[in-house]
Amino acid sequence: MIKPAIPREVSSREVSQDTTNRLAYSFCTLVTDPAEYQEMIDAFAAKGFTSADCEFLHVDNSSENRLDAYAGYNRFLRVAQGRYLILCHQDVLPIHDDRARLDALLDELTRRDPDWGVCGNAGATASGKFAARISDPHTGDTNRGGPFPVRVVSLDENFLVVRGEANLALSHDLTGYHWYGADLCIIADVLGWHAYVIDFHALHKSGGSPDGRFAIRSDIRRKYRRAFRTRWHHVTTRRSIFLSGSPVRAFLARTFPLNWAWRKIRGH
């Protein structure tokens, strides 16, 4: 006899797994140099990020390119158990700031903005200004754009803290190793979450590698040109929604919803 399934109501007051059974931090890294990666693990463990409530996850790309950044970090975002997922390079080291410092910064950020979804140590604001609290070979000890936290629209990929409950992901239709910080911030914005630079000082041993793969800029432009295209979005109630970032087009579509010219710009 087949045992019947027993439904369970999820109460609006039920405590989320995010605050009960989950680990505190998941460090997620694509590894090409195991020795350098171990140095990173040891450095963060010495600053209080221990196995008691932290995990260190990696994709081993040391002998072959098994997963690129978009596919690899999406894998981490699905399987990591931490309340906060730290997507970081293998050559990032904490300097003076420790676990207690990051705990306090994230608590403060949550009080300031309960809708933050991702933060990091360097990024750009909506007006194009640079904000950073980082040390690297190119700029040295950089404290710029504060006071922190600073709300931004993109983040550098060397050190990203993703809020687990935001359920963020990177684009499935992009590949490579660049600009996934910008992509993550765009996805967060679409889902209603915000991005910030915080005052957590770390050393990035590399200044980055702006090689030919920066052609992904064209891929991102092409992807979001399609994603944000002006169009009518049809629904089953037959009350279609006009999607456009242009207030003029939106007004005309509401005023003349059956106008042939506006139906032509649906993007089909």
C-alpha atoms as a PDB file:
ATOM      1  CA  MET A   1       0.000   0.000   0.000  1.00  0.00           C
ATOM      2  CA  ILE A   2       1.342   3.404  -0.971  1.00  0.00           C
ATOM      3  CA  LYS A   3       1.670   5.708   2.001  1.00  0.00           C
ATOM      4  CA  PRO A   4      -0.141   8.993   1.335  1.00  0.00           C
ATOM      5  CA  ALA A   5       1.866  12.178   1.212  1.00  0.00           C
ATOM      6  CA  ILE A   6       1.387  14.471   4.185  1.00  0.00           C
ATOM      7  CA  PRO A   7       1.313  18.171   3.331  1.00  0.00           C
ATOM      8  CA  ARG A   8       3.033  20.663   5.627  1.00  0.00           C
ATOM      9  CA  GLU A   9       2.057  24.300   5.909  1.00  0.00           C
ATOM     10  CA  VAL A  10       4.912  26.776   5.940  1.00  0.00           C
ATOM     11  CA  SER A  11       4.032  29.454   8.472  1.00  0.00           C
ATOM     12  CA  SER A  12       4.812  33.077   7.781  1.00  0.00           C
ATOM     13  CA  ARG A  13       6.464  33.096  11.215  1.00  0.00           C
ATOM     14  CA  GLU A  14       8.602  30.036  10.608  1.00  0.00           C
ATOM     15  CA  VAL A  15      12.269  30.642  11.242  1.00  0.00           C
ATOM     16  CA  SER A  16      14.248  30.406   8.015  1.00  0.00           C
ATOM     17  CA  GLN A  17      16.936  27.778   7.655  1.00  0.00           C
ATOM     18  CA  ASP A  18      19.225  30.747   6.945  1.00  0.00           C
ATOM     19  CA  THR A  19      19.328  31.557  10.665  1.00  0.00           C
ATOM     20  CA  THR A  20      19.203  28.060  12.177  1.00  0.00           C
ATOM     21  CA  ASN A  21      20.889  25.123  10.465  1.00  0.00           C
ATOM     22  CA  ARG A  22      23.108  26.876   7.973  1.00  0.00           C
ATOM     23  CA  LEU A  23      26.784  27.558   8.339  1.00  0.00           C
ATOM     24  CA  ALA A  24      27.862  31.173   8.699  1.00  0.00           C
ATOM     25  CA  TYR A  25      30.189  31.508   5.689  1.00  0.00           C
ATOM     26  CA  SER A  26      30.917  29.533   2.538  1.00  0.00           C
ATOM     27  CA  PHE A  27      34.168  30.477   0.796  1.00  0.00           C
ATOM     28  CA  CYS A  28      33.840  29.596  -2.888  1.00  0.00           C
ATOM     29  CA  THR A  29      36.906  29.627  -5.128  1.00  0.00           C
ATOM     30  CA  LEU A  30      38.047  28.541  -8.575  1.00  0.00           C
ATOM     31  CA  VAL A  31      41.511  27.071  -8.000  1.00  0.00           C
ATOM     32  CA  THR A  32      44.405  27.048 -10.453  1.00  0.00           C
ATOM     33  CA  ASP A  33      47.217  27.042  -7.853  1.00  0.00           C
ATOM     34  CA  PRO A  34      46.534  24.674  -4.899  1.00  0.00           C
ATOM     35  CA  ALA A  35      49.403  26.067  -2.823  1.00  0.00           C
ATOM     36  CA  GLU A  36      48.157  29.631  -3.130  1.00  0.00           C
ATOM     37  CA  TYR A  37      44.628  28.469  -2.348  1.00  0.00           C
ATOM     38  CA  GLN A  38      45.846  26.737   0.822  1.00  0.00           C
ATOM     39  CA  GLU A  39      47.569  29.968   1.855  1.00  0.00           C
ATOM     40  CA  MET A  40      44.224  31.740   1.485  1.00  0.00           C
ATOM     41  CA  ILE A  41      42.403  29.132   3.580  1.00  0.00           C
ATOM     42  CA  ASP A  42      45.024  29.294   6.346  1.00  0.00           C
ATOM     43  CA  ALA A  43      44.965  33.103   6.392  1.00  0.00           C
ATOM     44  CA  PHE A  44      41.188  33.335   6.737  1.00  0.00           C
ATOM     45  CA  ALA A  45      41.105  30.531   9.315  1.00  0.00           C
ATOM     46  CA  ALA A  46      43.661  32.465  11.379  1.00  0.00           C
ATOM     47  CA  LYS A  47      41.263  35.429  11.311  1.00  0.00           C
ATOM     48  CA  GLY A  48      38.407  33.393  12.809  1.00  0.00           C
ATOM     49  CA  PHE A  49      36.829  31.794   9.751  1.00  0.00           C
ATOM     50  CA  THR A  50      37.217  28.245  11.038  1.00  0.00           C
ATOM     51  CA  SER A  51      35.569  24.937  10.224  1.00  0.00           C
ATOM     52  CA  ALA A  52      33.338  25.354  13.274  1.00  0.00           C
ATOM     53  CA  ASP A  53      30.824  27.228  11.135  1.00  0.00           C
ATOM     54  CA  CYS A  54      32.568  27.937   7.833  1.00  0.00           C
ATOM     55  CA  GLU A  55      33.205  25.836   4.747  1.00  0.00           C
ATOM     56  CA  PHE A  56      35.735  26.209   1.949  1.00  0.00           C
ATOM     57  CA  LEU A  57      34.458  25.007  -1.425  1.00  0.00           C
ATOM     58  CA  HIS A  58      36.458  24.947  -4.629  1.00  0.00           C
ATOM     59  CA  VAL A  59      36.475  23.866  -8.245  1.00  0.00           C
ATOM     60  CA  ASP A  60      39.809  22.359  -9.222  1.00  0.00           C
ATOM     61  CA  ASN A  61      40.926  24.055 -12.435  1.00  0.00           C
ATOM     62  CA  SER A  62      44.609  23.388 -11.762  1.00  0.00           C
ATOM     63  CA  SER A  63      45.088  20.804 -14.512  1.00  0.00           C
ATOM     64  CA  GLU A  64      42.220  21.691 -16.837  1.00  0.00           C
ATOM     65  CA  ASN A  65      39.487  24.289 -17.160  1.00  0.00           C
ATOM     66  CA  ARG A  66      36.617  22.299 -15.690  1.00  0.00           C
ATOM     67  CA  LEU A  67      34.253  25.202 -15.053  1.00  0.00           C
ATOM     68  CA  ASP A  68      34.523  28.873 -15.948  1.00  0.00           C
ATOM     69  CA  ALA A  69      33.467  31.646 -13.566  1.00  0.00           C
ATOM     70  CA  TYR A  70      29.812  31.800 -14.609  1.00  0.00           C
ATOM     71  CA  ALA A  71      29.245  28.040 -14.475  1.00  0.00           C
ATOM     72  CA  GLY A  72      31.491  27.498 -11.450  1.00  0.00           C
ATOM     73  CA  TYR A  73      30.084  30.206  -9.233  1.00  0.00           C
ATOM     74  CA  ASN A  74      26.540  29.227 -10.197  1.00  0.00           C
ATOM     75  CA  ARG A  75      27.407  25.745  -8.947  1.00  0.00           C
ATOM     76  CA  PHE A  76      28.598  27.235  -5.653  1.00  0.00           C
ATOM     77  CA  LEU A  77      25.492  29.399  -5.339  1.00  0.00           C
ATOM     78  CA  ARG A  78      23.359  26.253  -5.589  1.00  0.00           C
ATOM     79  CA  VAL A  79      25.231  23.984  -3.172  1.00  0.00           C
ATOM     80  CA  ALA A  80      26.871  26.231  -0.555  1.00  0.00           C
ATOM     81  CA  GLN A  81      25.405  26.001   2.954  1.00  0.00           C
ATOM     82  CA  GLY A  82      26.473  29.362   4.378  1.00  0.00           C
ATOM     83  CA  ARG A  83      24.222  32.262   5.283  1.00  0.00           C
ATOM     84  CA  TYR A  84      26.805  34.297   3.397  1.00  0.00           C
ATOM     85  CA  LEU A  85      28.649  33.016   0.336  1.00  0.00           C
ATOM     86  CA  ILE A  86      32.066  34.549  -0.251  1.00  0.00           C
ATOM     87  CA  LEU A  87      33.013  34.235  -3.917  1.00  0.00           C
ATOM     88  CA  CYS A  88      36.708  35.052  -3.906  1.00  0.00           C
ATOM     89  CA  HIS A  89      39.929  34.598  -5.811  1.00  0.00           C
ATOM     90  CA  GLN A  90      42.572  32.198  -4.519  1.00  0.00           C
ATOM     91  CA  ASP A  91      45.019  35.102  -4.096  1.00  0.00           C
ATOM     92  CA  VAL A  92      42.966  37.152  -1.626  1.00  0.00           C
ATOM     93  CA  LEU A  93      44.257  37.498   1.950  1.00  0.00           C
ATOM     94  CA  PRO A  94      42.808  39.313   4.967  1.00  0.00           C
ATOM     95  CA  ILE A  95      45.099  42.019   6.326  1.00  0.00           C
ATOM     96  CA  HIS A  96      43.960  43.402   9.689  1.00  0.00           C
ATOM     97  CA  ASP A  97      40.210  42.820   9.470  1.00  0.00           C
ATOM     98  CA  ASP A  98      38.908  39.551  10.893  1.00  0.00           C
ATOM     99  CA  ARG A  99      35.754  37.474  11.303  1.00  0.00           C
ATOM    100  CA  ALA A 100      34.348  39.729  14.025  1.00  0.00           C
ATOM    101  CA  ARG A 101      34.854  42.740  11.761  1.00  0.00           C
ATOM    102  CA  LEU A 102      32.990  41.161   8.834  1.00  0.00           C
ATOM    103  CA  ASP A 103      30.190  39.970  11.131  1.00  0.00           C
ATOM    104  CA  ALA A 104      29.762  43.515  12.427  1.00  0.00           C
ATOM    105  CA  LEU A 105      29.866  45.083   8.955  1.00  0.00           C
ATOM    106  CA  LEU A 106      27.199  42.744   7.597  1.00  0.00           C
ATOM    107  CA  ASP A 107      24.989  43.266  10.645  1.00  0.00           C
ATOM    108  CA  GLU A 108      25.323  47.032  10.207  1.00  0.00           C
ATOM    109  CA  LEU A 109      24.551  46.772   6.501  1.00  0.00           C
ATOM    110  CA  THR A 110      21.420  44.739   7.236  1.00  0.00           C
ATOM    111  CA  ARG A 111      20.247  47.380   9.698  1.00  0.00           C
ATOM    112  CA  ARG A 112      20.863  50.141   7.167  1.00  0.00           C
ATOM    113  CA  ASP A 113      19.369  48.303   4.220  1.00  0.00           C
ATOM    114  CA  PRO A 114      17.470  45.039   4.809  1.00  0.00           C
ATOM    115  CA  ASP A 115      17.382  44.584   1.030  1.00  0.00           C
ATOM    116  CA  TRP A 116      21.113  44.300   0.405  1.00  0.00           C
ATOM    117  CA  GLY A 117      21.969  41.198  -1.596  1.00  0.00           C
ATOM    118  CA  VAL A 118      25.669  41.391  -2.426  1.00  0.00           C
ATOM    119  CA  CYS A 119      28.658  43.416  -1.260  1.00  0.00           C
ATOM    120  CA  GLY A 120      32.381  43.570  -1.891  1.00  0.00           C
ATOM    121  CA  ASN A 121      35.539  45.604  -1.462  1.00  0.00           C
ATOM    122  CA  ALA A 122      35.532  47.570  -4.743  1.00  0.00           C
ATOM    123  CA  GLY A 123      32.906  48.770  -7.178  1.00  0.00           C
ATOM    124  CA  ALA A 124      31.375  51.604  -9.158  1.00  0.00           C
ATOM    125  CA  THR A 125      28.362  53.740  -8.291  1.00  0.00           C
ATOM    126  CA  ALA A 126      25.458  54.648 -10.577  1.00  0.00           C
ATOM    127  CA  SER A 127      27.184  57.966 -11.327  1.00  0.00           C
ATOM    128  CA  GLY A 128      30.403  56.201 -12.331  1.00  0.00           C
ATOM    129  CA  LYS A 129      32.444  56.958  -9.217  1.00  0.00           C
ATOM    130  CA  PHE A 130      34.886  54.354  -7.915  1.00  0.00           C
ATOM    131  CA  ALA A 131      34.632  53.078  -4.334  1.00  0.00           C
ATOM    132  CA  ALA A 132      37.137  50.690  -2.791  1.00  0.00           C
ATOM    133  CA  ARG A 133      38.751  49.469   0.413  1.00  0.00           C
ATOM    134  CA  ILE A 134      41.431  47.167  -0.884  1.00  0.00           C
ATOM    135  CA  SER A 135      45.151  46.677  -1.306  1.00  0.00           C
ATOM    136  CA  ASP A 136      46.597  45.419  -4.574  1.00  0.00           C
ATOM    137  CA  PRO A 137      49.828  45.772  -6.584  1.00  0.00           C
ATOM    138  CA  HIS A 138      48.436  48.511  -8.826  1.00  0.00           C
ATOM    139  CA  THR A 139      46.907  50.925  -6.309  1.00  0.00           C
ATOM    140  CA  GLY A 140      48.477  49.951  -3.000  1.00  0.00           C
ATOM    141  CA  ASP A 141      46.430  50.577   0.136  1.00  0.00           C
ATOM    142  CA  THR A 142      43.245  52.135  -1.302  1.00  0.00           C
ATOM    143  CA  ASN A 143      40.532  53.782   0.777  1.00  0.00           C
ATOM    144  CA  ARG A 144      38.406  55.675  -1.703  1.00  0.00           C
ATOM    145  CA  GLY A 145      34.800  56.718  -2.216  1.00  0.00           C
ATOM    146  CA  GLY A 146      33.635  56.417   1.414  1.00  0.00           C
ATOM    147  CA  PRO A 147      32.230  56.733   3.954  1.00  0.00           C
ATOM    148  CA  PHE A 148      31.216  53.112   3.703  1.00  0.00           C
ATOM    149  CA  PRO A 149      28.988  51.292   3.021  1.00  0.00           C
ATOM    150  CA  VAL A 150      28.570  52.765  -0.469  1.00  0.00           C
ATOM    151  CA  ARG A 151      25.768  51.614  -2.725  1.00  0.00           C
ATOM    152  CA  VAL A 152      27.076  50.562  -6.133  1.00  0.00           C
ATOM    153  CA  VAL A 153      25.881  49.067  -9.406  1.00  0.00           C
ATOM    154  CA  SER A 154      28.889  46.811 -10.028  1.00  0.00           C
ATOM    155  CA  LEU A 155      31.506  45.039  -7.941  1.00  0.00           C
ATOM    156  CA  ASP A 156      35.032  43.771  -8.514  1.00  0.00           C
ATOM    157  CA  GLU A 157      35.181  39.982  -8.543  1.00  0.00           C
ATOM    158  CA  ASN A 158      38.152  39.455  -6.204  1.00  0.00           C
ATOM    159  CA  PHE A 159      35.931  39.342  -3.084  1.00  0.00           C
ATOM    160  CA  LEU A 160      32.133  39.154  -3.212  1.00  0.00           C
ATOM    161  CA  VAL A 161      29.844  38.455  -0.261  1.00  0.00           C
ATOM    162  CA  VAL A 162      26.485  37.120  -1.444  1.00  0.00           C
ATOM    163  CA  ARG A 163      23.539  36.963   0.938  1.00  0.00           C
ATOM    164  CA  GLY A 164      22.208  33.411   0.831  1.00  0.00           C
ATOM    165  CA  GLU A 165      18.553  34.337   1.266  1.00  0.00           C
ATOM    166  CA  ALA A 166      18.730  36.584  -1.805  1.00  0.00           C
ATOM    167  CA  ASN A 167      18.846  33.445  -3.995  1.00  0.00           C
ATOM    168  CA  LEU A 168      21.062  35.135  -6.558  1.00  0.00           C
ATOM    169  CA  ALA A 169      22.596  33.529  -9.632  1.00  0.00           C
ATOM    170  CA  LEU A 170      24.788  34.471 -12.548  1.00  0.00           C
ATOM    171  CA  SER A 171      23.588  34.468 -16.136  1.00  0.00           C
ATOM    172  CA  HIS A 172      23.351  31.016 -17.685  1.00  0.00           C
ATOM    173  CA  ASP A 173      24.011  32.421 -21.161  1.00  0.00           C
ATOM    174  CA  LEU A 174      27.353  34.097 -20.413  1.00  0.00           C
ATOM    175  CA  THR A 175      30.775  32.462 -20.178  1.00  0.00           C
ATOM    176  CA  GLY A 176      34.315  33.369 -19.220  1.00  0.00           C
ATOM    177  CA  TYR A 177      36.103  34.894 -16.239  1.00  0.00           C
ATOM    178  CA  HIS A 178      35.295  38.598 -16.393  1.00  0.00           C
ATOM    179  CA  TRP A 179      32.464  40.941 -15.462  1.00  0.00           C
ATOM    180  CA  TYR A 180      30.496  38.365 -13.508  1.00  0.00           C
ATOM    181  CA  GLY A 181      30.515  40.844 -10.607  1.00  0.00           C
ATOM    182  CA  ALA A 182      28.650  43.329 -12.796  1.00  0.00           C
ATOM    183  CA  ASP A 183      26.296  40.604 -14.006  1.00  0.00           C
ATOM    184  CA  LEU A 184      25.553  39.541 -10.425  1.00  0.00           C
ATOM    185  CA  CYS A 185      24.728  43.136  -9.455  1.00  0.00           C
ATOM    186  CA  ILE A 186      22.393  43.518 -12.440  1.00  0.00           C
ATOM    187  CA  ILE A 187      20.593  40.283 -11.567  1.00  0.00           C
ATOM    188  CA  ALA A 188      20.318  41.433  -7.936  1.00  0.00           C
ATOM    189  CA  ASP A 189      18.832  44.755  -9.042  1.00  0.00           C
ATOM    190  CA  VAL A 190      16.231  43.019 -11.218  1.00  0.00           C
ATOM    191  CA  LEU A 191      15.231  40.849  -8.257  1.00  0.00           C
ATOM    192  CA  GLY A 192      14.959  43.834  -5.904  1.00  0.00           C
ATOM    193  CA  TRP A 193      18.260  43.505  -4.012  1.00  0.00           C
ATOM    194  CA  HIS A 194      21.007  46.119  -3.626  1.00  0.00           C
ATOM    195  CA  ALA A 195      24.808  46.025  -3.930  1.00  0.00           C
ATOM    196  CA  TYR A 196      27.383  47.759  -1.716  1.00  0.00           C
ATOM    197  CA  VAL A 197      31.088  48.277  -1.135  1.00  0.00           C
ATOM    198  CA  ILE A 198      31.938  47.728   2.524  1.00  0.00           C
ATOM    199  CA  ASP A 199      34.987  48.601   4.619  1.00  0.00           C
ATOM    200  CA  PHE A 200      36.515  45.126   4.829  1.00  0.00           C
ATOM    201  CA  HIS A 201      40.182  45.494   3.991  1.00  0.00           C
ATOM    202  CA  ALA A 202      41.820  42.607   2.153  1.00  0.00           C
ATOM    203  CA  LEU A 203      44.871  42.162  -0.028  1.00  0.00           C
ATOM    204  CA  HIS A 204      44.357  41.059  -3.611  1.00  0.00           C
ATOM    205  CA  LYS A 205      47.797  39.823  -4.628  1.00  0.00           C
ATOM    206  CA  SER A 206      47.038  40.297  -8.317  1.00  0.00           C
ATOM    207  CA  GLY A 207      45.878  43.480  -9.979  1.00  0.00           C
ATOM    208  CA  GLY A 208      43.765  41.519 -12.427  1.00  0.00           C
ATOM    209  CA  SER A 209      44.433  40.275 -15.946  1.00  0.00           C
ATOM    210  CA  PRO A 210      42.729  42.430 -18.593  1.00  0.00           C
ATOM    211  CA  ASP A 211      43.313  40.016 -21.456  1.00  0.00           C
ATOM    212  CA  GLY A 212      41.368  39.496 -24.664  1.00  0.00           C
ATOM    213  CA  ARG A 213      38.530  37.856 -22.787  1.00  0.00           C
ATOM    214  CA  PHE A 214      37.228  41.319 -21.975  1.00  0.00           C
ATOM    215  CA  ALA A 215      35.345  40.851 -25.242  1.00  0.00           C
ATOM    216  CA  ILE A 216      32.643  39.619 -22.865  1.00  0.00           C
ATOM    217  CA  ARG A 217      31.623  43.273 -22.674  1.00  0.00           C
ATOM    218  CA  SER A 218      29.983  42.786 -26.075  1.00  0.00           C
ATOM    219  CA  ASP A 219      28.330  39.572 -24.878  1.00  0.00           C
ATOM    220  CA  ILE A 220      26.872  41.309 -21.830  1.00  0.00           C
ATOM    221  CA  ARG A 221      25.659  44.233 -23.917  1.00  0.00           C
ATOM    222  CA  ARG A 222      24.003  41.845 -26.369  1.00  0.00           C
ATOM    223  CA  LYS A 223      22.434  39.752 -23.589  1.00  0.00           C
ATOM    224  CA  TYR A 224      20.917  42.692 -21.712  1.00  0.00           C
ATOM    225  CA  ARG A 225      19.845  44.477 -24.888  1.00  0.00           C
ATOM    226  CA  ARG A 226      17.590  41.501 -25.464  1.00  0.00           C
ATOM    227  CA  ALA A 227      16.612  41.069 -21.786  1.00  0.00           C
ATOM    228  CA  PHE A 228      15.626  44.732 -21.394  1.00  0.00           C
ATOM    229  CA  ARG A 229      14.092  45.115 -24.847  1.00  0.00           C
ATOM    230  CA  THR A 230      10.930  47.200 -25.227  1.00  0.00           C
ATOM    231  CA  ARG A 231       8.008  44.864 -25.762  1.00  0.00           C
ATOM    232  CA  TRP A 232       4.475  43.859 -24.948  1.00  0.00           C
ATOM    233  CA  HIS A 233       4.467  40.987 -22.472  1.00  0.00           C
ATOM    234  CA  HIS A 234       1.341  38.910 -22.964  1.00  0.00           C
ATOM    235  CA  VAL A 235      -0.403  37.191 -20.049  1.00  0.00           C
ATOM    236  CA  THR A 236      -3.274  34.725 -19.829  1.00  0.00           C
ATOM    237  CA  THR A 237      -5.735  37.358 -18.580  1.00  0.00           C
ATOM    238  CA  ARG A 238      -5.342  39.134 -21.941  1.00  0.00           C
ATOM    239  CA  ARG A 239      -4.311  42.313 -20.121  1.00  0.00           C
ATOM    240  CA  SER A 240      -0.845  42.541 -21.623  1.00  0.00           C
ATOM    241  CA  ILE A 241       1.940  44.477 -19.915  1.00  0.00           C
ATOM    242  CA  PHE A 242       4.082  46.938 -21.831  1.00  0.00           C
ATOM    243  CA  LEU A 243       7.720  46.705 -20.738  1.00  0.00           C
ATOM    244  CA  SER A 244      10.027  49.623 -21.451  1.00  0.00           C
ATOM    245  CA  GLY A 245      12.560  51.758 -19.672  1.00  0.00           C
ATOM    246  CA  SER A 246      11.270  54.741 -21.630  1.00  0.00           C
ATOM    247  CA  PRO A 247       8.498  56.651 -19.828  1.00  0.00           C
ATOM    248  CA  VAL A 248       7.428  58.192 -23.150  1.00  0.00           C
ATOM    249  CA  ARG A 249       6.963  54.813 -24.793  1.00  0.00           C
ATOM    250  CA  ALA A 250       5.194  53.479 -21.716  1.00  0.00           C
ATOM    251  CA  PHE A 251       2.779  56.449 -21.729  1.00  0.00           C
ATOM    252  CA  LEU A 252       1.998  56.041 -25.431  1.00  0.00           C
ATOM    253  CA  ALA A 253       1.468  52.314 -24.995  1.00  0.00           C
ATOM    254  CA  ARG A 254      -1.036  52.924 -22.190  1.00  0.00           C
ATOM    255  CA  THR A 255      -2.757  55.655 -24.181  1.00  0.00           C
ATOM    256  CA  PHE A 256      -2.862  53.791 -27.499  1.00  0.00           C
ATOM    257  CA  PRO A 257      -2.618  50.102 -26.508  1.00  0.00           C
ATOM    258  CA  LEU A 258      -3.889  48.832 -29.874  1.00  0.00           C
ATOM    259  CA  ASN A 259      -1.866  51.155 -32.040  1.00  0.00           C
ATOM    260  CA  TRP A 260      -0.181  49.144 -34.790  1.00  0.00           C
ATOM    261  CA  ALA A 261       3.072  51.077 -34.544  1.00  0.00           C
ATOM    262  CA  TRP A 262       3.488  50.214 -30.877  1.00  0.00           C
ATOM    263  CA  ARG A 263       2.681  46.574 -31.482  1.00  0.00           C
ATOM    264  CA  LYS A 264       5.574  46.566 -33.973  1.00  0.00           C
ATOM    265  CA  ILE A 265       8.156  47.396 -31.258  1.00  0.00           C
ATOM    266  CA  ARG A 266       7.341  44.417 -29.074  1.00  0.00           C
ATOM    267  CA  GLY A 267      10.699  42.976 -30.012  1.00  0.00           C
ATOM    268  CA  HIS A 268       9.440  40.154 -32.210  1.00  0.00           C
END
